Amino acid sequence: MHKLEMHKFKLKQKKTNNFMKAISASYVVTCDENNRIIKDGAVVFDDKLIEIDTLFEIKNKYPNLEIKELEENSILMPGLVNSHIHLEFSANTTTLKYGNFYSWLNSVIKHREDLINKATNELISTKLNKIKKTGTTTIGAISSYSFDMEACIKSPINTVFFCEVIGSKADMVDTLFADFRSRLNNAKKFASKNFIPAIAIHSPYSVHPFLVREALNVARDENLAVSSHFLESQEEFEWLHKDEGSFLEFFKNFLNQEKATSKPMEFLGLFSKVKNLSFTHCVEASDDDLEKIKDLGASINHCVTSNRLLNNTKLDLDRLKDIPFTIGTDGLSSNNSLSMFDELRNALMAHYDKNVVEFSKILLKAATFNGSRALGLNKGVLKESFDADMISFKLPNKIEDINDICMQIILHTKFVDDVIIGGEYV
């Protein structure tokens, strides 16, 4: 090699090595398709993951690279992805009614203005900071009013920001669509690698089909991720299928409507050719609904705590078959915590028919790779070329059986030690 070329090569190598970082742990939990776990593993990264191997091999391949070696019983894994969260109701603790969806909905309407006003930027920022400390590096934030946007933009957490469209009155659709477009366009002004505008359709019972069609046309044209609540409650099921039940009273009183604006399959049919699509809850979805969701290539956001509090039920995971599911906390309007580890513990206990060791592996993948894929991101797995979003923490004692590690992580982790987003410690 020519001397000048050699000099340039050395400068480039030096620059690259200065930017590259490495971290090692007692166990590297990859959350990949094989659930690979590397004992005494290490990861080399910049903003992307460069190499994942044993610490011994990494030291041999990168002899001049400084490696941050974590202590005994340490874990390194992908950052958690909270695929469905509402931040605008972060002020709620003991105000809203639980135990019945219709009672909860009425309490939300009664206290909405007060709770929204209390959810200041400062409060939401505090919640986001705690979310980060509990291991979440990416969120799918459903935003009804964009009151949470400033806090999300300022947070180092990756935010897929779902501007929500809502409204079922035919004579208001133009105004409602204009408001939605205004909020979406405003969010797009702040788009970055950490803040990604997206679209949420509130639900089949609350959004007029015209609004759904127009919003989804925007999503297709601009390649935006889309999410929607779907068949969250028995009340919703009775209204959409039979035009009866508690929702009949609700819609007559508030909107002077006596019939649902669309049926479940009609609603799902509007989502064809939408990429990065997810539906939330789906606890009352029929087999035909689930088959359609599968055909759409969508994921299901599983919010087990919210379903317990509002509907006294849970998603039957066995019915999903080949539909990937993710994990979401929903908001503090229907949860007492925004911690993904709290949510994972609740999911592990709620699905008591599942083998606790094997189901823990499924849950961790749902809370990392599946969530990332549902949001249209390149995260959630420790694999070359994926984004360098990682968390590290320490288990209270040594692992006797490596096959138990995912279960022990879920059972014992409350806060994390290191949070790495886009290759930076934050």
Protein backbone atom coordinates (compact mmCIF):
# COMPACT_ATOMS: atom_id res chain seq x y z
CA MET A 1 0.00 0.00 0.00
CA HIS A 2 1.30 3.49 -0.89
CA LYS A 3 2.53 5.50 2.14
CA LEU A 4 -0.11 8.22 1.65
CA GLU A 5 -2.83 5.61 1.34
CA MET A 6 -1.49 3.87 4.44
CA HIS A 7 -1.58 7.17 6.34
CA LYS A 8 -5.17 7.80 5.27
CA PHE A 9 -6.08 4.23 6.23
CA LYS A 10 -4.55 4.65 9.71
CA LEU A 11 -6.35 7.97 10.21
CA LYS A 12 -9.62 6.38 9.15
CA GLN A 13 -8.97 3.38 11.42
CA LYS A 14 -8.15 5.70 14.33
CA LYS A 15 -11.27 7.77 13.73
CA THR A 16 -13.40 4.65 13.49
CA ASN A 17 -11.94 3.13 16.64
CA ASN A 18 -12.46 6.39 18.52
CA PHE A 19 -16.12 6.36 17.59
CA MET A 20 -16.62 2.65 18.15
CA LYS A 21 -17.48 1.51 21.65
CA ALA A 22 -17.74 -1.84 23.33
CA ILE A 23 -19.49 -3.21 26.38
CA SER A 24 -19.42 -6.68 27.91
CA ALA A 25 -21.64 -8.49 30.38
CA SER A 26 -21.92 -11.83 32.12
CA TYR A 27 -24.80 -12.60 29.77
CA VAL A 28 -25.71 -10.98 26.46
CA VAL A 29 -29.38 -11.70 25.76
CA THR A 30 -29.85 -11.07 22.04
CA CYS A 31 -33.66 -11.55 21.67
CA ASP A 32 -32.97 -12.83 18.15
CA GLU A 33 -34.91 -15.51 16.30
CA ASN A 34 -32.95 -18.25 18.11
CA ASN A 35 -33.11 -16.62 21.55
CA ARG A 36 -29.31 -16.70 21.55
CA ILE A 37 -27.65 -15.97 24.88
CA ILE A 38 -23.89 -15.42 25.03
CA LYS A 39 -22.19 -16.13 28.34
CA ASP A 40 -19.38 -13.64 28.97
CA GLY A 41 -20.42 -11.79 25.85
CA ALA A 42 -19.60 -8.40 24.39
CA VAL A 43 -21.01 -5.98 21.84
CA VAL A 44 -19.12 -3.57 19.58
CA PHE A 45 -21.17 -0.64 18.38
CA ASP A 46 -21.34 2.90 17.09
CA ASP A 47 -24.85 4.11 16.32
CA LYS A 48 -25.41 0.61 14.91
CA LEU A 49 -24.48 -2.78 16.30
CA ILE A 50 -21.22 -3.86 14.69
CA GLU A 51 -20.43 -7.21 16.26
CA ILE A 52 -21.82 -9.48 18.98
CA ASP A 53 -19.60 -12.27 20.29
CA THR A 54 -17.83 -13.59 23.36
CA LEU A 55 -15.63 -11.14 25.25
CA PHE A 56 -12.64 -13.33 24.40
CA GLU A 57 -13.28 -13.06 20.64
CA ILE A 58 -14.01 -9.33 20.76
CA LYS A 59 -10.74 -8.67 22.61
CA ASN A 60 -8.85 -10.64 19.97
CA LYS A 61 -10.52 -8.85 17.05
CA TYR A 62 -10.34 -5.37 18.57
CA PRO A 63 -7.15 -5.32 20.68
CA ASN A 64 -7.01 -1.52 20.87
CA LEU A 65 -10.68 -0.95 21.64
CA GLU A 66 -11.53 -0.02 25.21
CA ILE A 67 -14.28 -2.26 26.53
CA LYS A 68 -16.61 -1.34 29.36
CA GLU A 69 -16.70 -4.57 31.35
CA LEU A 70 -19.77 -4.89 33.56
CA GLU A 71 -19.65 -6.68 36.89
CA GLU A 72 -20.59 -10.24 37.76
CA ASN A 73 -24.21 -11.33 37.13
CA SER A 74 -24.69 -8.47 34.66
CA ILE A 75 -27.12 -8.59 31.74
CA LEU A 76 -26.91 -6.75 28.41
CA MET A 77 -29.99 -6.87 26.19
CA PRO A 78 -31.96 -4.75 23.70
CA GLY A 79 -33.81 -1.75 25.11
CA LEU A 80 -37.48 -2.40 25.78
CA VAL A 81 -40.10 -1.19 23.31
CA ASN A 82 -43.40 0.01 24.80
CA SER A 83 -45.51 -0.27 21.67
CA HIS A 84 -48.64 1.42 23.08
CA ILE A 85 -48.65 4.21 25.64
CA HIS A 86 -50.84 7.24 26.37
CA LEU A 87 -48.88 10.03 28.05
CA GLU A 88 -51.58 12.71 28.05
CA PHE A 89 -53.33 11.03 31.00
CA SER A 90 -50.16 10.78 33.09
CA ALA A 91 -51.73 12.79 35.93
CA ASN A 92 -54.18 10.04 36.85
CA THR A 93 -53.64 7.95 39.94
CA THR A 94 -56.87 7.36 41.89
CA THR A 95 -59.40 9.41 39.90
CA LEU A 96 -60.75 7.06 37.25
CA LYS A 97 -63.21 4.20 37.70
CA TYR A 98 -62.10 0.60 37.03
CA GLY A 99 -63.84 -2.77 36.81
CA ASN A 100 -66.12 -1.98 33.87
CA PHE A 101 -65.24 -0.36 30.56
CA TYR A 102 -68.37 1.77 30.34
CA SER A 103 -67.93 3.08 33.89
CA TRP A 104 -64.30 3.87 33.11
CA LEU A 105 -65.23 5.67 29.88
CA ASN A 106 -67.75 7.88 31.67
CA SER A 107 -65.19 8.71 34.34
CA VAL A 108 -62.68 9.68 31.64
CA ILE A 109 -65.21 12.05 30.08
CA LYS A 110 -66.05 13.51 33.48
CA HIS A 111 -62.43 14.11 34.54
CA ARG A 112 -60.69 14.47 31.16
CA GLU A 113 -60.22 18.24 31.20
CA ASP A 114 -58.81 18.28 34.72
CA LEU A 115 -56.44 15.36 34.08
CA ILE A 116 -55.23 16.81 30.78
CA ASN A 117 -54.53 20.18 32.39
CA LYS A 118 -52.53 18.51 35.16
CA ALA A 119 -50.43 16.56 32.64
CA THR A 120 -47.92 19.37 32.12
CA ASN A 121 -44.74 19.12 30.06
CA GLU A 122 -42.82 18.87 33.32
CA LEU A 123 -44.95 15.97 34.57
CA ILE A 124 -44.75 14.07 31.28
CA SER A 125 -40.98 14.64 31.11
CA THR A 126 -40.68 13.21 34.62
CA LYS A 127 -42.65 10.14 33.55
CA LEU A 128 -40.48 9.71 30.46
CA ASN A 129 -37.33 9.91 32.55
CA LYS A 130 -38.64 7.20 34.86
CA ILE A 131 -39.63 5.11 31.84
CA LYS A 132 -36.03 5.37 30.64
CA LYS A 133 -34.68 4.32 34.04
CA THR A 134 -36.90 1.26 33.92
CA GLY A 135 -35.36 0.10 30.65
CA THR A 136 -37.60 1.47 27.91
CA THR A 137 -35.73 2.97 24.96
CA THR A 138 -38.60 3.25 22.46
CA ILE A 139 -42.29 4.12 22.80
CA GLY A 140 -45.31 4.19 20.54
CA ALA A 141 -47.07 7.25 21.96
CA ILE A 142 -50.76 7.68 21.11
CA SER A 143 -51.47 11.41 21.16
CA SER A 144 -55.00 12.81 21.02
CA TYR A 145 -54.11 16.48 21.36
CA SER A 146 -50.29 16.72 20.90
CA PHE A 147 -50.00 18.06 24.46
CA ASP A 148 -47.28 15.44 25.03
CA MET A 149 -45.28 16.30 21.91
CA GLU A 150 -42.78 18.75 23.42
CA ALA A 151 -41.79 16.34 26.18
CA CYS A 152 -41.37 13.50 23.67
CA ILE A 153 -39.21 15.63 21.37
CA LYS A 154 -36.92 16.61 24.25
CA SER A 155 -36.57 13.07 25.58
CA PRO A 156 -33.71 10.83 24.39
CA ILE A 157 -36.23 7.98 24.17
CA ASN A 158 -37.17 7.04 20.60
CA THR A 159 -40.78 8.09 20.06
CA VAL A 160 -43.07 6.95 17.29
CA PHE A 161 -45.63 9.72 17.75
CA PHE A 162 -49.10 8.59 16.69
CA CYS A 163 -51.30 11.61 15.93
CA GLU A 164 -54.78 10.29 16.64
CA VAL A 165 -57.90 10.89 14.58
CA ILE A 166 -61.24 10.56 16.37
CA GLY A 167 -64.86 11.52 15.71
CA SER A 168 -67.92 9.69 14.38
CA LYS A 169 -70.33 12.53 13.54
CA ALA A 170 -70.78 12.81 9.78
CA ASP A 171 -71.34 16.57 9.83
CA MET A 172 -68.02 17.13 11.61
CA VAL A 173 -65.66 15.01 9.52
CA ASP A 174 -64.13 17.89 7.54
CA THR A 175 -63.34 19.86 10.68
CA LEU A 176 -62.00 16.80 12.47
CA PHE A 177 -59.80 15.81 9.53
CA ALA A 178 -58.42 19.34 9.27
CA ASP A 179 -57.52 19.28 12.98
CA PHE A 180 -55.83 15.90 12.58
CA ARG A 181 -53.83 17.08 9.55
CA SER A 182 -52.76 20.21 11.40
CA ARG A 183 -51.44 18.17 14.35
CA LEU A 184 -49.71 15.69 12.04
CA ASN A 185 -48.09 18.43 9.95
CA ASN A 186 -46.88 20.13 13.11
CA ALA A 187 -45.35 16.88 14.36
CA LYS A 188 -43.61 16.37 11.01
CA LYS A 189 -41.77 19.68 11.49
CA PHE A 190 -39.87 18.05 14.35
CA ALA A 191 -39.25 14.68 12.71
CA SER A 192 -35.85 13.16 13.46
CA LYS A 193 -34.29 9.73 13.93
CA ASN A 194 -35.65 9.79 17.52
CA PHE A 195 -39.04 11.38 16.83
CA ILE A 196 -41.10 9.73 14.11
CA PRO A 197 -44.61 10.98 13.26
CA ALA A 198 -47.27 8.32 12.70
CA ILE A 199 -51.06 7.94 12.58
CA ALA A 200 -53.53 6.47 15.07
CA ILE A 201 -57.16 5.64 14.33
CA HIS A 202 -58.89 5.71 17.71
CA SER A 203 -61.28 2.77 17.21
CA PRO A 204 -64.01 1.39 14.93
CA TYR A 205 -66.74 2.79 17.20
CA SER A 206 -65.36 6.32 17.47
CA VAL A 207 -64.08 7.22 13.98
CA HIS A 208 -66.28 7.81 10.95
CA PRO A 209 -65.29 5.61 7.96
CA PHE A 210 -64.57 8.74 5.89
CA LEU A 211 -62.02 9.88 8.46
CA VAL A 212 -60.49 6.41 8.57
CA ARG A 213 -60.13 6.29 4.78
CA GLU A 214 -58.62 9.77 4.51
CA ALA A 215 -56.17 9.23 7.36
CA LEU A 216 -55.07 5.88 5.93
CA ASN A 217 -54.55 7.46 2.51
CA VAL A 218 -52.12 9.86 4.19
CA ALA A 219 -50.38 6.92 5.87
CA ARG A 220 -49.98 5.09 2.56
CA ASP A 221 -48.79 8.19 0.69
CA GLU A 222 -46.25 9.13 3.36
CA ASN A 223 -45.33 5.61 4.52
CA LEU A 224 -46.32 6.27 8.13
CA ALA A 225 -46.90 3.62 10.80
CA VAL A 226 -50.53 3.15 11.84
CA SER A 227 -52.14 1.88 15.03
CA SER A 228 -55.74 1.48 16.18
CA HIS A 229 -57.62 0.23 19.22
CA PHE A 230 -59.82 -2.70 18.23
CA LEU A 231 -62.51 -4.61 20.14
CA GLU A 232 -61.24 -3.76 23.60
CA SER A 233 -64.46 -4.51 25.48
CA GLN A 234 -67.71 -6.46 25.50
CA GLU A 235 -69.53 -3.12 25.29
CA GLU A 236 -67.74 -2.33 22.04
CA PHE A 237 -68.53 -5.80 20.67
CA GLU A 238 -72.27 -5.44 21.37
CA TRP A 239 -72.40 -1.97 19.83
CA LEU A 240 -70.48 -2.83 16.67
CA HIS A 241 -72.22 -6.14 16.02
CA LYS A 242 -75.74 -5.50 17.34
CA ASP A 243 -76.17 -1.72 17.84
CA GLU A 244 -77.09 -2.38 21.46
CA GLY A 245 -75.70 -2.45 25.00
CA SER A 246 -74.19 0.34 27.10
CA PHE A 247 -72.71 2.09 24.07
CA LEU A 248 -76.20 2.66 22.66
CA GLU A 249 -77.00 4.83 25.67
CA PHE A 250 -73.64 6.58 25.38
CA PHE A 251 -73.95 7.40 21.67
CA LYS A 252 -77.59 8.47 21.98
CA ASN A 253 -76.80 10.82 24.85
CA PHE A 254 -73.59 12.35 23.54
CA LEU A 255 -73.82 12.11 19.75
CA ASN A 256 -77.47 11.39 18.93
CA GLN A 257 -76.45 8.14 17.21
CA GLU A 258 -78.37 4.88 17.41
CA LYS A 259 -76.26 2.77 15.04
CA ALA A 260 -72.54 2.08 14.78
CA THR A 261 -70.87 3.76 11.81
CA SER A 262 -69.08 0.56 10.78
CA LYS A 263 -68.85 -3.15 11.51
CA PRO A 264 -65.57 -4.76 12.60
CA MET A 265 -64.76 -6.48 9.30
CA GLU A 266 -65.69 -3.36 7.32
CA PHE A 267 -63.34 -1.38 9.53
CA LEU A 268 -60.46 -3.83 9.11
CA GLY A 269 -61.00 -3.88 5.36
CA LEU A 270 -60.02 -0.21 5.17
CA PHE A 271 -56.44 -0.97 6.30
CA SER A 272 -55.23 -2.86 3.22
CA LYS A 273 -51.71 -2.04 1.99
CA VAL A 274 -50.81 -0.14 5.16
CA LYS A 275 -47.28 -0.95 6.29
CA ASN A 276 -46.20 -1.14 9.93
CA LEU A 277 -49.72 -1.71 11.22
CA SER A 278 -50.83 -2.66 14.72
CA PHE A 279 -54.12 -3.15 16.54
CA THR A 280 -54.36 -2.75 20.30
CA HIS A 281 -56.20 -5.01 22.78
CA CYS A 282 -58.33 -7.21 20.44
CA VAL A 283 -59.63 -9.16 23.46
CA GLU A 284 -63.11 -9.48 21.90
CA ALA A 285 -61.94 -10.04 18.31
CA SER A 286 -63.54 -13.00 16.53
CA ASP A 287 -61.59 -15.71 14.72
CA ASP A 288 -62.51 -14.03 11.43
CA ASP A 289 -61.26 -10.69 12.74
CA LEU A 290 -57.97 -12.26 13.76
CA GLU A 291 -57.60 -13.96 10.40
CA LYS A 292 -58.09 -10.59 8.71
CA ILE A 293 -55.52 -8.97 11.02
CA LYS A 294 -53.10 -11.73 10.07
CA ASP A 295 -53.79 -11.16 6.35
CA LEU A 296 -53.06 -7.45 6.84
CA GLY A 297 -49.62 -8.35 8.20
CA ALA A 298 -50.41 -6.49 11.41
CA SER A 299 -49.27 -6.98 15.00
CA ILE A 300 -51.40 -6.91 18.16
CA ASN A 301 -50.39 -4.66 21.05
CA HIS A 302 -51.04 -6.60 24.24
CA CYS A 303 -51.82 -4.43 27.30
CA VAL A 304 -52.52 -7.01 29.97
CA THR A 305 -52.83 -4.66 32.96
CA SER A 306 -55.22 -2.32 31.17
CA ASN A 307 -57.40 -5.25 30.07
CA ARG A 308 -57.53 -6.54 33.64
CA LEU A 309 -58.51 -3.17 35.12
CA LEU A 310 -61.08 -2.13 32.52
CA ASN A 311 -62.57 -5.42 31.38
CA ASN A 312 -61.61 -8.16 33.87
CA THR A 313 -60.23 -10.19 30.99
CA LYS A 314 -57.12 -10.82 28.94
CA LEU A 315 -56.09 -11.53 25.36
CA ASP A 316 -56.19 -15.24 24.49
CA LEU A 317 -52.72 -15.60 23.00
CA ASP A 318 -53.42 -19.11 21.71
CA ARG A 319 -55.95 -17.66 19.27
CA LEU A 320 -53.37 -15.37 17.67
CA LYS A 321 -51.53 -18.26 16.02
CA ASP A 322 -49.14 -16.55 13.58
CA ILE A 323 -49.97 -12.95 14.53
CA PRO A 324 -47.01 -11.40 16.39
CA PHE A 325 -47.88 -9.64 19.62
CA THR A 326 -46.10 -6.78 21.37
CA ILE A 327 -46.24 -5.41 24.91
CA GLY A 328 -47.67 -2.01 25.84
CA THR A 329 -48.46 -0.41 29.18
CA ASP A 330 -51.31 1.71 27.82
CA GLY A 331 -51.52 4.92 29.88
CA LEU A 332 -51.84 5.76 33.56
CA SER A 333 -55.54 6.11 32.80
CA SER A 334 -55.65 2.29 32.92
CA ASN A 335 -52.45 1.25 34.67
CA ASN A 336 -50.59 2.07 37.87
CA SER A 337 -47.18 1.93 36.19
CA LEU A 338 -45.50 2.79 32.89
CA SER A 339 -42.62 0.41 33.58
CA MET A 340 -42.27 -2.32 30.98
CA PHE A 341 -40.73 -4.66 33.55
CA ASP A 342 -43.83 -4.20 35.72
CA GLU A 343 -45.98 -4.94 32.67
CA LEU A 344 -43.92 -8.02 31.81
CA ARG A 345 -44.32 -9.35 35.35
CA ASN A 346 -48.07 -8.79 35.13
CA ALA A 347 -48.21 -10.59 31.78
CA LEU A 348 -46.18 -13.49 33.13
CA MET A 349 -48.59 -13.91 36.04
CA ALA A 350 -51.81 -13.27 34.11
CA HIS A 351 -51.12 -16.01 31.55
CA TYR A 352 -50.83 -18.67 34.24
CA ASP A 353 -51.51 -21.50 31.78
CA LYS A 354 -48.17 -20.88 30.03
CA ASN A 355 -44.93 -22.53 31.11
CA VAL A 356 -43.22 -19.79 33.09
CA VAL A 357 -39.72 -20.43 31.69
CA GLU A 358 -40.65 -20.73 28.02
CA PHE A 359 -43.26 -17.97 28.11
CA SER A 360 -40.68 -15.57 29.57
CA LYS A 361 -38.62 -15.97 26.39
CA ILE A 362 -41.67 -15.15 24.29
CA LEU A 363 -42.48 -12.10 26.44
CA LEU A 364 -38.99 -10.61 26.19
CA LYS A 365 -39.05 -10.96 22.42
CA ALA A 366 -42.53 -9.38 22.34
CA ALA A 367 -41.20 -6.45 24.39
CA THR A 368 -38.20 -5.89 22.12
CA PHE A 369 -38.08 -7.18 18.55
CA ASN A 370 -41.83 -7.53 18.00
CA GLY A 371 -42.50 -4.02 19.30
CA SER A 372 -39.82 -2.55 17.08
CA ARG A 373 -41.14 -4.33 14.01
CA ALA A 374 -44.70 -3.18 14.71
CA LEU A 375 -43.47 0.42 14.83
CA GLY A 376 -41.45 0.03 11.63
CA LEU A 377 -38.07 0.39 13.31
CA ASN A 378 -34.71 -1.38 13.09
CA LYS A 379 -34.32 -2.10 16.80
CA GLY A 380 -35.17 -4.64 19.47
CA VAL A 381 -32.51 -7.28 18.78
CA LEU A 382 -28.76 -7.53 19.33
CA LYS A 383 -27.77 -8.29 15.78
CA GLU A 384 -25.31 -6.73 13.36
CA SER A 385 -26.59 -3.58 11.55
CA PHE A 386 -29.50 -3.02 13.95
CA ASP A 387 -29.71 0.23 15.92
CA ALA A 388 -27.53 0.29 19.05
CA ASP A 389 -30.31 0.58 21.64
CA MET A 390 -29.35 -1.45 24.71
CA ILE A 391 -29.85 -1.68 28.45
CA SER A 392 -27.71 -3.25 31.14
CA PHE A 393 -28.47 -4.24 34.72
CA LYS A 394 -27.43 -6.75 37.35
CA LEU A 395 -29.30 -9.77 38.63
CA PRO A 396 -29.23 -10.26 42.42
CA ASN A 397 -27.31 -13.54 42.22
CA LYS A 398 -25.74 -15.95 39.78
CA ILE A 399 -27.83 -17.90 37.29
CA GLU A 400 -27.83 -21.64 37.97
CA ASP A 401 -29.48 -22.56 34.66
CA ILE A 402 -29.01 -20.29 31.64
CA ASN A 403 -32.35 -21.51 30.29
CA ASP A 404 -34.04 -19.62 33.15
CA ILE A 405 -32.43 -16.27 32.40
CA CYS A 406 -35.40 -14.59 30.67
CA MET A 407 -37.67 -15.57 33.55
CA GLN A 408 -35.18 -14.28 36.13
CA ILE A 409 -34.83 -10.99 34.23
CA ILE A 410 -38.60 -10.45 34.28
CA LEU A 411 -38.97 -11.46 37.92
CA HIS A 412 -36.15 -9.38 39.37
CA THR A 413 -35.53 -6.28 37.25
CA LYS A 414 -37.05 -2.97 38.27
CA PHE A 415 -34.45 -0.40 37.20
CA VAL A 416 -31.49 -0.56 34.83
CA ASP A 417 -27.91 0.70 35.18
CA ASP A 418 -27.01 1.70 31.61
CA VAL A 419 -29.27 2.99 28.86
CA ILE A 420 -27.77 3.24 25.38
CA ILE A 421 -29.84 4.80 22.59
CA GLY A 422 -28.39 5.21 19.10
CA GLY A 423 -24.99 4.26 20.47
CA GLU A 424 -24.97 6.97 23.14
CA TYR A 425 -25.19 6.51 26.90
CA VAL A 426 -28.20 8.59 28.01
